[in-house]
C-alpha cells in the first residue's frame, strides 16, 4: 500500500476520492498483470522454440564431439601399434646383433684354440 502511494504524486492522492483511487489502482494492477502474462506467454513460446532447436543442436554437437574423439582414439591406437611394432622390431634387431656377436666371439675362441 505504501509503495503505491509513493508512486502517485502528492497532488493526485490528495485530489482523488478514496473509492475512485482504489478503482484506478485495481484497473492499473490488472493491466500490468495482463501485460506481464502476455510477455510471459511470448517468452515461454520463444523459450520452447529455442529449447527444441537448442537441444537438437547440443545433441548434434555432442555426437560430433564423440565421433571426433573416437577418430582420435583410433588414430592414437594405430600410432601406438606402429610405435610398438617399431620397438619390437628394434628389440629383434638388437637380439640378432647380440646373437651374431656371441657367435663370432665363440668362433674366434675356437680359431685361437686351434692355433
PDB file of N, CA and C in Angstrom:
ATOM      1  N   UNK A   1       0.831  -1.185   0.000  1.00  0.00           N
ATOM      2  CA  UNK A   1       0.000   0.000   0.000  1.00  0.00           C
ATOM      3  C   UNK A   1       0.872   1.244   0.000  1.00  0.00           C
ATOM      4  N   UNK A   2       1.885   1.231   0.833  1.00  0.00           N
ATOM      5  CA  UNK A   2       2.770   2.388   0.930  1.00  0.00           C
ATOM      6  C   UNK A   2       3.510   2.605  -0.376  1.00  0.00           C
ATOM      7  N   UNK A   3       3.859   1.506  -1.062  1.00  0.00           N
ATOM      8  CA  UNK A   3       4.592   1.630  -2.317  1.00  0.00           C
ATOM      9  C   UNK A   3       3.716   2.250  -3.392  1.00  0.00           C
ATOM     10  N   UNK A   4       2.412   1.920  -3.393  1.00  0.00           N
ATOM     11  CA  UNK A   4       1.508   2.511  -4.382  1.00  0.00           C
ATOM     12  C   UNK A   4       1.339   4.008  -4.121  1.00  0.00           C
ATOM     13  N   UNK A   5       1.271   4.351  -2.869  1.00  0.00           N
ATOM     14  CA  UNK A   5       1.128   5.766  -2.518  1.00  0.00           C
ATOM     15  C   UNK A   5       2.373   6.526  -2.929  1.00  0.00           C
ATOM     16  N   UNK A   6       3.526   5.879  -2.831  1.00  0.00           N
ATOM     17  CA  UNK A   6       4.776   6.526  -3.214  1.00  0.00           C
ATOM     18  C   UNK A   6       4.839   6.744  -4.719  1.00  0.00           C
ATOM     19  N   UNK A   7       4.168   5.868  -5.490  1.00  0.00           N
ATOM     20  CA  UNK A   7       4.186   6.013  -6.949  1.00  0.00           C
ATOM     21  C   UNK A   7       3.352   7.209  -7.403  1.00  0.00           C
ATOM     22  N   UNK A   8       2.291   7.456  -6.720  1.00  0.00           N
ATOM     23  CA  UNK A   8       1.428   8.571  -7.091  1.00  0.00           C
ATOM     24  C   UNK A   8       2.052   9.895  -6.644  1.00  0.00           C
ATOM     25  N   UNK A   9       1.747  10.920  -7.396  1.00  0.00           N
ATOM     26  CA  UNK A   9       2.242  12.248  -6.994  1.00  0.00           C
ATOM     27  C   UNK A   9       1.370  12.739  -5.840  1.00  0.00           C
ATOM     28  N   UNK A  10       1.882  13.571  -5.003  1.00  0.00           N
ATOM     29  CA  UNK A  10       1.079  14.078  -3.859  1.00  0.00           C
ATOM     30  C   UNK A  10      -0.228  14.745  -4.298  1.00  0.00           C
ATOM     31  N   UNK A  11      -0.204  15.437  -5.418  1.00  0.00           N
ATOM     32  CA  UNK A  11      -1.398  16.131  -5.896  1.00  0.00           C
ATOM     33  C   UNK A  11      -2.497  15.127  -6.237  1.00  0.00           C
ATOM     34  N   UNK A  12      -2.134  14.014  -6.893  1.00  0.00           N
ATOM     35  CA  UNK A  12      -3.122  13.007  -7.275  1.00  0.00           C
ATOM     36  C   UNK A  12      -3.780  12.398  -6.047  1.00  0.00           C
ATOM     37  N   UNK A  13      -2.979  11.999  -5.077  1.00  0.00           N
ATOM     38  CA  UNK A  13      -3.519  11.318  -3.906  1.00  0.00           C
ATOM     39  C   UNK A  13      -4.445  12.235  -3.095  1.00  0.00           C
ATOM     40  N   UNK A  14      -4.165  13.521  -3.125  1.00  0.00           N
ATOM     41  CA  UNK A  14      -5.000  14.442  -2.344  1.00  0.00           C
ATOM     42  C   UNK A  14      -6.300  14.750  -3.066  1.00  0.00           C
ATOM     43  N   UNK A  15      -6.267  14.858  -4.389  1.00  0.00           N
ATOM     44  CA  UNK A  15      -7.452  15.278  -5.136  1.00  0.00           C
ATOM     45  C   UNK A  15      -8.405  14.109  -5.399  1.00  0.00           C
ATOM     46  N   UNK A  16      -7.894  12.881  -5.592  1.00  0.00           N
ATOM     47  CA  UNK A  16      -8.770  11.761  -5.925  1.00  0.00           C
ATOM     48  C   UNK A  16      -9.522  11.299  -4.694  1.00  0.00           C
ATOM     49  N   UNK A  17     -10.785  10.901  -4.909  1.00  0.00           N
ATOM     50  CA  UNK A  17     -11.570  10.359  -3.811  1.00  0.00           C
ATOM     51  C   UNK A  17     -11.111   8.936  -3.533  1.00  0.00           C
ATOM     52  N   UNK A  18     -11.194   8.477  -2.299  1.00  0.00           N
ATOM     53  CA  UNK A  18     -10.703   7.131  -1.943  1.00  0.00           C
ATOM     54  C   UNK A  18     -11.298   6.012  -2.800  1.00  0.00           C
ATOM     55  N   UNK A  19     -12.572   5.986  -3.070  1.00  0.00           N
ATOM     56  CA  UNK A  19     -13.201   4.923  -3.863  1.00  0.00           C
ATOM     57  C   UNK A  19     -12.688   4.949  -5.302  1.00  0.00           C
ATOM     58  N   UNK A  20     -12.598   6.160  -5.860  1.00  0.00           N
ATOM     59  CA  UNK A  20     -12.115   6.309  -7.231  1.00  0.00           C
ATOM     60  C   UNK A  20     -10.660   5.868  -7.319  1.00  0.00           C
ATOM     61  N   UNK A  21      -9.860   6.227  -6.303  1.00  0.00           N
ATOM     62  CA  UNK A  21      -8.446   5.865  -6.290  1.00  0.00           C
ATOM     63  C   UNK A  21      -8.278   4.345  -6.288  1.00  0.00           C
ATOM     64  N   UNK A  22      -9.041   3.652  -5.475  1.00  0.00           N
ATOM     65  CA  UNK A  22      -8.907   2.191  -5.404  1.00  0.00           C
ATOM     66  C   UNK A  22      -9.313   1.541  -6.717  1.00  0.00           C
ATOM     67  N   UNK A  23     -10.371   2.084  -7.381  1.00  0.00           N
ATOM     68  CA  UNK A  23     -10.783   1.543  -8.689  1.00  0.00           C
ATOM     69  C   UNK A  23      -9.670   1.728  -9.717  1.00  0.00           C
ATOM     70  N   UNK A  24      -9.067   2.926  -9.732  1.00  0.00           N
ATOM     71  CA  UNK A  24      -7.982   3.201 -10.669  1.00  0.00           C
ATOM     72  C   UNK A  24      -6.776   2.292 -10.392  1.00  0.00           C
ATOM     73  N   UNK A  25      -6.460   2.130  -9.110  1.00  0.00           N
ATOM     74  CA  UNK A  25      -5.339   1.268  -8.740  1.00  0.00           C
ATOM     75  C   UNK A  25      -5.604  -0.177  -9.175  1.00  0.00           C
ATOM     76  N   UNK A  26      -6.821  -0.642  -8.920  1.00  0.00           N
ATOM     77  CA  UNK A  26      -7.182  -2.011  -9.300  1.00  0.00           C
ATOM     78  C   UNK A  26      -7.075  -2.183 -10.817  1.00  0.00           C
ATOM     79  N   UNK A  27      -7.589  -1.202 -11.569  1.00  0.00           N
ATOM     80  CA  UNK A  27      -7.538  -1.264 -13.028  1.00  0.00           C
ATOM     81  C   UNK A  27      -6.080  -1.279 -13.505  1.00  0.00           C
ATOM     82  N   UNK A  28      -5.252  -0.407 -12.902  1.00  0.00           N
ATOM     83  CA  UNK A  28      -3.842  -0.324 -13.267  1.00  0.00           C
ATOM     84  C   UNK A  28      -3.135  -1.659 -12.976  1.00  0.00           C
ATOM     85  N   UNK A  29      -3.414  -2.232 -11.797  1.00  0.00           N
ATOM     86  CA  UNK A  29      -2.803  -3.520 -11.425  1.00  0.00           C
ATOM     87  C   UNK A  29      -3.209  -4.623 -12.402  1.00  0.00           C
ATOM     88  N   UNK A  30      -4.505  -4.639 -12.773  1.00  0.00           N
ATOM     89  CA  UNK A  30      -4.991  -5.662 -13.712  1.00  0.00           C
ATOM     90  C   UNK A  30      -4.323  -5.517 -15.080  1.00  0.00           C
ATOM     91  N   UNK A  31      -4.166  -4.264 -15.519  1.00  0.00           N
ATOM     92  CA  UNK A  31      -3.496  -4.025 -16.800  1.00  0.00           C
ATOM     93  C   UNK A  31      -2.049  -4.500 -16.740  1.00  0.00           C
ATOM     94  N   UNK A  32      -1.358  -4.137 -15.657  1.00  0.00           N
ATOM     95  CA  UNK A  32       0.035  -4.553 -15.513  1.00  0.00           C
ATOM     96  C   UNK A  32       0.152  -6.075 -15.464  1.00  0.00           C
ATOM     97  N   UNK A  33      -0.789  -6.705 -14.737  1.00  0.00           N
ATOM     98  CA  UNK A  33      -0.788  -8.162 -14.635  1.00  0.00           C
ATOM     99  C   UNK A  33      -1.012  -8.782 -16.019  1.00  0.00           C
ATOM    100  N   UNK A  34      -1.959  -8.222 -16.772  1.00  0.00           N
ATOM    101  CA  UNK A  34      -2.251  -8.721 -18.116  1.00  0.00           C
ATOM    102  C   UNK A  34      -1.041  -8.587 -19.029  1.00  0.00           C
ATOM    103  N   UNK A  35      -0.355  -7.427 -18.942  1.00  0.00           N
ATOM    104  CA  UNK A  35       0.840  -7.219 -19.753  1.00  0.00           C
ATOM    105  C   UNK A  35       1.919  -8.236 -19.395  1.00  0.00           C
ATOM    106  N   UNK A  36       2.097  -8.447 -18.080  1.00  0.00           N
ATOM    107  CA  UNK A  36       3.108  -9.409 -17.638  1.00  0.00           C
ATOM    108  C   UNK A  36       2.788 -10.809 -18.139  1.00  0.00           C
ATOM    109  N   UNK A  37       1.497 -11.173 -18.089  1.00  0.00           N
ATOM    110  CA  UNK A  37       1.102 -12.509 -18.564  1.00  0.00           C
ATOM    111  C   UNK A  37       1.360 -12.653 -20.056  1.00  0.00           C
ATOM    112  N   UNK A  38       1.010 -11.603 -20.828  1.00  0.00           N
ATOM    113  CA  UNK A  38       1.257 -11.649 -22.273  1.00  0.00           C
ATOM    114  C   UNK A  38       2.748 -11.792 -22.560  1.00  0.00           C
ATOM    115  N   UNK A  39       3.569 -10.997 -21.864  1.00  0.00           N
ATOM    116  CA  UNK A  39       5.022 -11.075 -22.053  1.00  0.00           C
ATOM    117  C   UNK A  39       5.524 -12.455 -21.661  1.00  0.00           C
ATOM    118  N   UNK A  40       4.969 -12.972 -20.571  1.00  0.00           N
ATOM    119  CA  UNK A  40       5.367 -14.303 -20.111  1.00  0.00           C
ATOM    120  C   UNK A  40       5.045 -15.372 -21.141  1.00  0.00           C
ATOM    121  N   UNK A  41       3.866 -15.283 -21.752  1.00  0.00           N
ATOM    122  CA  UNK A  41       3.472 -16.255 -22.777  1.00  0.00           C
ATOM    123  C   UNK A  41       4.395 -16.156 -23.984  1.00  0.00           C
ATOM    124  N   UNK A  42       4.698 -14.938 -24.387  1.00  0.00           N
ATOM    125  CA  UNK A  42       5.603 -14.749 -25.527  1.00  0.00           C
ATOM    126  C   UNK A  42       6.978 -15.335 -25.214  1.00  0.00           C
ATOM    127  N   UNK A  43       7.472 -15.000 -24.008  1.00  0.00           N
ATOM    128  CA  UNK A  43       8.784 -15.519 -23.603  1.00  0.00           C
ATOM    129  C   UNK A  43       8.771 -17.041 -23.570  1.00  0.00           C
ATOM    130  N   UNK A  44       7.684 -17.601 -23.067  1.00  0.00           N
ATOM    131  CA  UNK A  44       7.588 -19.059 -22.979  1.00  0.00           C
ATOM    132  C   UNK A  44       7.594 -19.689 -24.372  1.00  0.00           C
ATOM    133  N   UNK A  45       6.833 -19.065 -25.304  1.00  0.00           N
ATOM    134  CA  UNK A  45       6.824 -19.583 -26.674  1.00  0.00           C
ATOM    135  C   UNK A  45       8.212 -19.539 -27.286  1.00  0.00           C
ATOM    136  N   UNK A  46       8.902 -18.404 -27.077  1.00  0.00           N
ATOM    137  CA  UNK A  46      10.270 -18.276 -27.601  1.00  0.00           C
ATOM    138  C   UNK A  46      11.171 -19.331 -26.985  1.00  0.00           C
ATOM    139  N   UNK A  47      11.036 -19.500 -25.661  1.00  0.00           N
ATOM    140  CA  UNK A  47      11.867 -20.469 -24.953  1.00  0.00           C
ATOM    141  C   UNK A  47      11.613 -21.878 -25.496  1.00  0.00           C
ATOM    142  N   UNK A  48      10.353 -22.198 -25.726  1.00  0.00           N
ATOM    143  CA  UNK A  48      10.019 -23.525 -26.235  1.00  0.00           C
ATOM    144  C   UNK A  48      10.623 -23.723 -27.625  1.00  0.00           C
ATOM    145  N   UNK A  49      10.465 -22.702 -28.471  1.00  0.00           N
ATOM    146  CA  UNK A  49      11.011 -22.797 -29.817  1.00  0.00           C
ATOM    147  C   UNK A  49      12.523 -22.975 -29.764  1.00  0.00           C
ATOM    148  N   UNK A  50      13.161 -22.089 -28.987  1.00  0.00           N
ATOM    149  CA  UNK A  50      14.609 -22.145 -28.842  1.00  0.00           C
ATOM    150  C   UNK A  50      15.039 -23.442 -28.175  1.00  0.00           C
ATOM    151  N   UNK A  51      14.265 -23.868 -27.196  1.00  0.00           N
ATOM    152  CA  UNK A  51      14.606 -25.068 -26.437  1.00  0.00           C
ATOM    153  C   UNK A  51      14.722 -26.282 -27.334  1.00  0.00           C
ATOM    154  N   UNK A  52      13.775 -26.463 -28.246  1.00  0.00           N
ATOM    155  CA  UNK A  52      13.816 -27.612 -29.148  1.00  0.00           C
ATOM    156  C   UNK A  52      15.037 -27.573 -30.040  1.00  0.00           C
ATOM    157  N   UNK A  53      15.278 -26.414 -30.638  1.00  0.00           N
ATOM    158  CA  UNK A  53      16.442 -26.275 -31.511  1.00  0.00           C
ATOM    159  C   UNK A  53      17.721 -26.407 -30.712  1.00  0.00           C
ATOM    160  N   UNK A  54      17.718 -25.838 -29.523  1.00  0.00           N
ATOM    161  CA  UNK A  54      18.911 -25.880 -28.682  1.00  0.00           C
ATOM    162  C   UNK A  54      19.280 -27.304 -28.316  1.00  0.00           C
ATOM    163  N   UNK A  55      18.266 -28.086 -27.924  1.00  0.00           N
ATOM    164  CA  UNK A  55      18.535 -29.482 -27.571  1.00  0.00           C
ATOM    165  C   UNK A  55      19.060 -30.241 -28.773  1.00  0.00           C
ATOM    166  N   UNK A  56      18.448 -29.982 -29.927  1.00  0.00           N
ATOM    167  CA  UNK A  56      18.876 -30.671 -31.145  1.00  0.00           C
ATOM    168  C   UNK A  56      20.319 -30.298 -31.478  1.00  0.00           C
ATOM    169  N   UNK A  57      20.615 -28.987 -31.371  1.00  0.00           N
ATOM    170  CA  UNK A  57      21.975 -28.533 -31.656  1.00  0.00           C
ATOM    171  C   UNK A  57      22.979 -29.161 -30.703  1.00  0.00           C
ATOM    172  N   UNK A  58      22.633 -29.188 -29.416  1.00  0.00           N
ATOM    173  CA  UNK A  58      23.574 -29.756 -28.454  1.00  0.00           C
ATOM    174  C   UNK A  58      23.753 -31.241 -28.695  1.00  0.00           C
ATOM    175  N   UNK A  59      22.675 -31.931 -29.087  1.00  0.00           N
ATOM    176  CA  UNK A  59      22.787 -33.353 -29.418  1.00  0.00           C
ATOM    177  C   UNK A  59      23.734 -33.556 -30.593  1.00  0.00           C
ATOM    178  N   UNK A  60      23.570 -32.712 -31.617  1.00  0.00           N
ATOM    179  CA  UNK A  60      24.443 -32.817 -32.791  1.00  0.00           C
ATOM    180  C   UNK A  60      25.893 -32.529 -32.413  1.00  0.00           C
ATOM    181  N   UNK A  61      26.095 -31.487 -31.604  1.00  0.00           N
ATOM    182  CA  UNK A  61      27.458 -31.147 -31.174  1.00  0.00           C
ATOM    183  C   UNK A  61      28.069 -32.300 -30.388  1.00  0.00           C
ATOM    184  N   UNK A  62      27.268 -32.855 -29.460  1.00  0.00           N
ATOM    185  CA  UNK A  62      27.774 -33.951 -28.636  1.00  0.00           C
ATOM    186  C   UNK A  62      28.126 -35.146 -29.512  1.00  0.00           C
ATOM    187  N   UNK A  63      27.253 -35.479 -30.474  1.00  0.00           N
ATOM    188  CA  UNK A  63      27.502 -36.609 -31.373  1.00  0.00           C
ATOM    189  C   UNK A  63      28.768 -36.365 -32.191  1.00  0.00           C
ATOM    190  N   UNK A  64      28.937 -35.130 -32.693  1.00  0.00           N
ATOM    191  CA  UNK A  64      30.115 -34.782 -33.479  1.00  0.00           C
ATOM    192  C   UNK A  64      31.382 -34.896 -32.632  1.00  0.00           C
ATOM    193  N   UNK A  65      31.295 -34.367 -31.376  1.00  0.00           N
ATOM    194  CA  UNK A  65      32.454 -34.443 -30.477  1.00  0.00           C
ATOM    195  C   UNK A  65      32.831 -35.891 -30.188  1.00  0.00           C
ATOM    196  N   UNK A  66      31.805 -36.729 -29.910  1.00  0.00           N
ATOM    197  CA  UNK A  66      32.089 -38.132 -29.617  1.00  0.00           C
ATOM    198  C   UNK A  66      32.722 -38.826 -30.823  1.00  0.00           C
ATOM    199  N   UNK A  67      32.213 -38.499 -32.016  1.00  0.00           N
ATOM    200  CA  UNK A  67      32.758 -39.102 -33.235  1.00  0.00           C
ATOM    201  C   UNK A  67      34.223 -38.683 -33.429  1.00  0.00           C
ATOM    202  N   UNK A  68      34.504 -37.387 -33.229  1.00  0.00           N
ATOM    203  CA  UNK A  68      35.885 -36.906 -33.355  1.00  0.00           C
ATOM    204  C   UNK A  68      36.784 -37.582 -32.327  1.00  0.00           C
ATOM    205  N   UNK A  69      36.254 -37.748 -31.112  1.00  0.00           N
ATOM    206  CA  UNK A  69      37.025 -38.405 -30.052  1.00  0.00           C
ATOM    207  C   UNK A  69      37.361 -39.846 -30.459  1.00  0.00           C
ATOM    208  N   UNK A  70      36.362 -40.559 -31.009  1.00  0.00           N
ATOM    209  CA  UNK A  70      36.601 -41.945 -31.459  1.00  0.00           C
ATOM    210  C   UNK A  70      37.666 -41.987 -32.544  1.00  0.00           C
ATOM    211  N   UNK A  71      37.597 -41.036 -33.473  1.00  0.00           N
ATOM    212  CA  UNK A  71      38.585 -40.999 -34.553  1.00  0.00           C
ATOM    213  C   UNK A  71      39.982 -40.733 -33.987  1.00  0.00           C
ATOM    214  N   UNK A  72      40.080 -39.795 -33.029  1.00  0.00           N
ATOM    215  CA  UNK A  72      41.383 -39.514 -32.407  1.00  0.00           C
ATOM    216  C   UNK A  72      41.924 -40.745 -31.702  1.00  0.00           C
ATOM    217  N   UNK A  73      41.033 -41.439 -30.970  1.00  0.00           N
ATOM    218  CA  UNK A  73      41.468 -42.646 -30.258  1.00  0.00           C
ATOM    219  C   UNK A  73      41.927 -43.716 -31.241  1.00  0.00           C
ATOM    220  N   UNK A  74      41.202 -43.833 -32.354  1.00  0.00           N
ATOM    221  CA  UNK A  74      41.565 -44.830 -33.358  1.00  0.00           C
ATOM    222  C   UNK A  74      42.947 -44.510 -33.933  1.00  0.00           C
ATOM    223  N   UNK A  75      43.148 -43.214 -34.279  1.00  0.00           N
ATOM    224  CA  UNK A  75      44.460 -42.799 -34.804  1.00  0.00           C
ATOM    225  C   UNK A  75      45.560 -43.034 -33.780  1.00  0.00           C
ATOM    226  N   UNK A  76      45.257 -42.676 -32.519  1.00  0.00           N
ATOM    227  CA  UNK A  76      46.244 -42.849 -31.451  1.00  0.00           C
ATOM    228  C   UNK A  76      46.581 -44.333 -31.296  1.00  0.00           C
ATOM    229  N   UNK A  77      45.551 -45.177 -31.356  1.00  0.00           N
ATOM    230  CA  UNK A  77      45.770 -46.619 -31.250  1.00  0.00           C
ATOM    231  C   UNK A  77      46.663 -47.132 -32.358  1.00  0.00           C
ATOM    232  N   UNK A  78      46.397 -46.692 -33.582  1.00  0.00           N
ATOM    233  CA  UNK A  78      47.226 -47.122 -34.722  1.00  0.00           C
ATOM    234  C   UNK A  78      48.660 -46.645 -34.539  1.00  0.00           C
ATOM    235  N   UNK A  79      48.800 -45.390 -34.105  1.00  0.00           N
ATOM    236  CA  UNK A  79      50.135 -44.829 -33.898  1.00  0.00           C
ATOM    237  C   UNK A  79      50.878 -45.629 -32.825  1.00  0.00           C
ATOM    238  N   UNK A  80      50.177 -45.940 -31.734  1.00  0.00           N
ATOM    239  CA  UNK A  80      50.807 -46.713 -30.662  1.00  0.00           C
ATOM    240  C   UNK A  80      51.206 -48.097 -31.155  1.00  0.00           C
ATOM    241  N   UNK A  81      50.331 -48.703 -31.986  1.00  0.00           N
ATOM    242  CA  UNK A  81      50.669 -50.022 -32.539  1.00  0.00           C
ATOM    243  C   UNK A  81      51.908 -49.930 -33.415  1.00  0.00           C
ATOM    244  N   UNK A  82      51.963 -48.882 -34.249  1.00  0.00           N
ATOM    245  CA  UNK A  82      53.125 -48.694 -35.115  1.00  0.00           C
ATOM    246  C   UNK A  82      54.387 -48.520 -34.283  1.00  0.00           C
ATOM    247  N   UNK A  83      54.283 -47.673 -33.259  1.00  0.00           N
ATOM    248  CA  UNK A  83      55.449 -47.445 -32.388  1.00  0.00           C
ATOM    249  C   UNK A  83      55.842 -48.732 -31.683  1.00  0.00           C
ATOM    250  N   UNK A  84      54.831 -49.460 -31.237  1.00  0.00           N
ATOM    251  CA  UNK A  84      55.087 -50.717 -30.543  1.00  0.00           C
ATOM    252  C   UNK A  84      55.769 -51.699 -31.499  1.00  0.00           C
ATOM    253  N   UNK A  85      55.257 -51.727 -32.726  1.00  0.00           N
ATOM    254  CA  UNK A  85      55.860 -52.590 -33.740  1.00  0.00           C
ATOM    255  C   UNK A  85      57.304 -52.208 -34.001  1.00  0.00           C
ATOM    256  N   UNK A  86      57.567 -50.907 -34.088  1.00  0.00           N
ATOM    257  CA  UNK A  86      58.937 -50.432 -34.304  1.00  0.00           C
ATOM    258  C   UNK A  86      59.825 -50.852 -33.142  1.00  0.00           C
ATOM    259  N   UNK A  87      59.308 -50.699 -31.932  1.00  0.00           N
ATOM    260  CA  UNK A  87      60.097 -51.068 -30.753  1.00  0.00           C
ATOM    261  C   UNK A  87      60.400 -52.560 -30.764  1.00  0.00           C
ATOM    262  N   UNK A  88      59.368 -53.354 -31.100  1.00  0.00           N
ATOM    263  CA  UNK A  88      59.578 -54.802 -31.151  1.00  0.00           C
ATOM    264  C   UNK A  88      60.591 -55.153 -32.240  1.00  0.00           C
ATOM    265  N   UNK A  89      60.508 -54.457 -33.368  1.00  0.00           N
ATOM    266  CA  UNK A  89      61.460 -54.671 -34.447  1.00  0.00           C
ATOM    267  C   UNK A  89      62.872 -54.313 -34.018  1.00  0.00           C
ATOM    268  N   UNK A  90      63.001 -53.198 -33.308  1.00  0.00           N
ATOM    269  CA  UNK A  90      64.318 -52.787 -32.806  1.00  0.00           C
ATOM    270  C   UNK A  90      64.862 -53.822 -31.836  1.00  0.00           C
ATOM    271  N   UNK A  91      64.005 -54.318 -30.950  1.00  0.00           N
ATOM    272  CA  UNK A  91      64.433 -55.345 -29.992  1.00  0.00           C
ATOM    273  C   UNK A  91      64.934 -56.578 -30.724  1.00  0.00           C
ATOM    274  N   UNK A  92      64.159 -56.952 -31.728  1.00  0.00           N
ATOM    275  CA  UNK A  92      64.524 -58.149 -32.503  1.00  0.00           C
ATOM    276  C   UNK A  92      65.886 -57.953 -33.174  1.00  0.00           C
ATOM    277  N   UNK A  93      66.114 -56.783 -33.759  1.00  0.00           N
ATOM    278  CA  UNK A  93      67.402 -56.499 -34.399  1.00  0.00           C
ATOM    279  C   UNK A  93      68.553 -56.550 -33.390  1.00  0.00           C
ATOM    280  N   UNK A  94      68.304 -55.956 -32.197  1.00  0.00           N
ATOM    281  CA  UNK A  94      69.335 -55.975 -31.154  1.00  0.00           C
ATOM    282  C   UNK A  94      69.655 -57.407 -30.740  1.00  0.00           C
ATOM    283  N   UNK A  95      68.615 -58.217 -30.568  1.00  0.00           N
ATOM    284  CA  UNK A  95      68.829 -59.626 -30.199  1.00  0.00           C
ATOM    285  C   UNK A  95      69.667 -60.337 -31.264  1.00  0.00           C
ATOM    286  N   UNK A  96      69.288 -60.055 -32.508  1.00  0.00           N
ATOM    287  CA  UNK A  96      70.005 -60.690 -33.627  1.00  0.00           C
ATOM    288  C   UNK A  96      71.473 -60.271 -33.625  1.00  0.00           C
ATOM    289  N   UNK A  97      71.735 -58.982 -33.416  1.00  0.00           N
ATOM    290  CA  UNK A  97      73.118 -58.486 -33.361  1.00  0.00           C
ATOM    291  C   UNK A  97      73.888 -59.163 -32.234  1.00  0.00           C
ATOM    292  N   UNK A  98      73.238 -59.257 -31.055  1.00  0.00           N
ATOM    293  CA  UNK A  98      73.872 -59.901 -29.900  1.00  0.00           C
ATOM    294  C   UNK A  98      74.210 -61.357 -30.212  1.00  0.00           C
ATOM    295  N   UNK A  99      73.261 -62.026 -30.843  1.00  0.00           N
ATOM    296  CA  UNK A  99      73.450 -63.422 -31.204  1.00  0.00           C
ATOM    297  C   UNK A  99      74.633 -63.567 -32.167  1.00  0.00           C
ATOM    298  N   UNK A 100      74.673 -62.667 -33.154  1.00  0.00           N
ATOM    299  CA  UNK A 100      75.755 -62.705 -34.143  1.00  0.00           C
ATOM    300  C   UNK A 100      77.100 -62.441 -33.459  1.00  0.00           C
ATOM    301  N   UNK A 101      77.113 -61.434 -32.546  1.00  0.00           N
ATOM    302  CA  UNK A 101      78.346 -61.109 -31.839  1.00  0.00           C
ATOM    303  C   UNK A 101      78.843 -62.302 -31.027  1.00  0.00           C
ATOM    304  N   UNK A 102      77.929 -62.900 -30.302  1.00  0.00           N
ATOM    305  CA  UNK A 102      78.351 -64.058 -29.481  1.00  0.00           C
ATOM    306  C   UNK A 102      78.837 -65.195 -30.359  1.00  0.00           C
ATOM    307  N   UNK A 103      78.158 -65.439 -31.479  1.00  0.00           N
ATOM    308  CA  UNK A 103      78.596 -66.493 -32.394  1.00  0.00           C
ATOM    309  C   UNK A 103      79.990 -66.189 -32.936  1.00  0.00           C
ATOM    310  N   UNK A 104      80.227 -64.910 -33.309  1.00  0.00           N
ATOM    311  CA  UNK A 104      81.538 -64.505 -33.818  1.00  0.00           C
ATOM    312  C   UNK A 104      82.611 -64.679 -32.739  1.00  0.00           C
ATOM    313  N   UNK A 105      82.274 -64.291 -31.502  1.00  0.00           N
ATOM    314  CA  UNK A 105      83.238 -64.434 -30.406  1.00  0.00           C
ATOM    315  C   UNK A 105      83.567 -65.901 -30.158  1.00  0.00           C
ATOM    316  N   UNK A 106      82.551 -66.730 -30.173  1.00  0.00           N
ATOM    317  CA  UNK A 106      82.766 -68.170 -29.983  1.00  0.00           C
ATOM    318  C   UNK A 106      83.656 -68.716 -31.101  1.00  0.00           C
ATOM    319  N   UNK A 107      83.381 -68.276 -32.313  1.00  0.00           N
ATOM    320  CA  UNK A 107      84.162 -68.707 -33.478  1.00  0.00           C
ATOM    321  C   UNK A 107      85.621 -68.274 -33.331  1.00  0.00           C
ATOM    322  N   UNK A 108      85.864 -67.053 -32.887  1.00  0.00           N
ATOM    323  CA  UNK A 108      87.227 -66.548 -32.689  1.00  0.00           C
ATOM    324  C   UNK A 108      87.953 -67.381 -31.642  1.00  0.00           C
ATOM    325  N   UNK A 109      87.258 -67.690 -30.531  1.00  0.00           N
ATOM    326  CA  UNK A 109      87.885 -68.504 -29.476  1.00  0.00           C
ATOM    327  C   UNK A 109      88.269 -69.873 -30.010  1.00  0.00           C
ATOM    328  N   UNK A 110      87.442 -70.475 -30.820  1.00  0.00           N
ATOM    329  CA  UNK A 110      87.736 -71.783 -31.422  1.00  0.00           C
ATOM    330  C   UNK A 110      88.975 -71.699 -32.308  1.00  0.00           C
ATOM    331  N   UNK A 111      89.029 -70.626 -33.102  1.00  0.00           N
ATOM    332  CA  UNK A 111      90.170 -70.439 -34.004  1.00  0.00           C
ATOM    333  C   UNK A 111      91.466 -70.288 -33.199  1.00  0.00           C
ATOM    334  N   UNK A 112      91.428 -69.553 -32.106  1.00  0.00           N
ATOM    335  CA  UNK A 112      92.611 -69.364 -31.273  1.00  0.00           C
ATOM    336  C   UNK A 112      93.070 -70.689 -30.677  1.00  0.00           C
ATOM    337  N   UNK A 113      92.124 -71.503 -30.232  1.00  0.00           N
ATOM    338  CA  UNK A 113      92.469 -72.787 -29.629  1.00  0.00           C
ATOM    339  C   UNK A 113      93.149 -73.697 -30.634  1.00  0.00           C
ATOM    340  N   UNK A 114      92.714 -73.616 -31.872  1.00  0.00           N
ATOM    341  CA  UNK A 114      93.283 -74.473 -32.914  1.00  0.00           C
ATOM    342  C   UNK A 114      94.730 -74.073 -33.210  1.00  0.00           C
ATOM    343  N   UNK A 115      94.996 -72.795 -33.098  1.00  0.00           N
ATOM    344  CA  UNK A 115      96.347 -72.338 -33.415  1.00  0.00           C
ATOM    345  C   UNK A 115      97.306 -72.621 -32.352  1.00  0.00           C
TER     346      UNK A 115
END
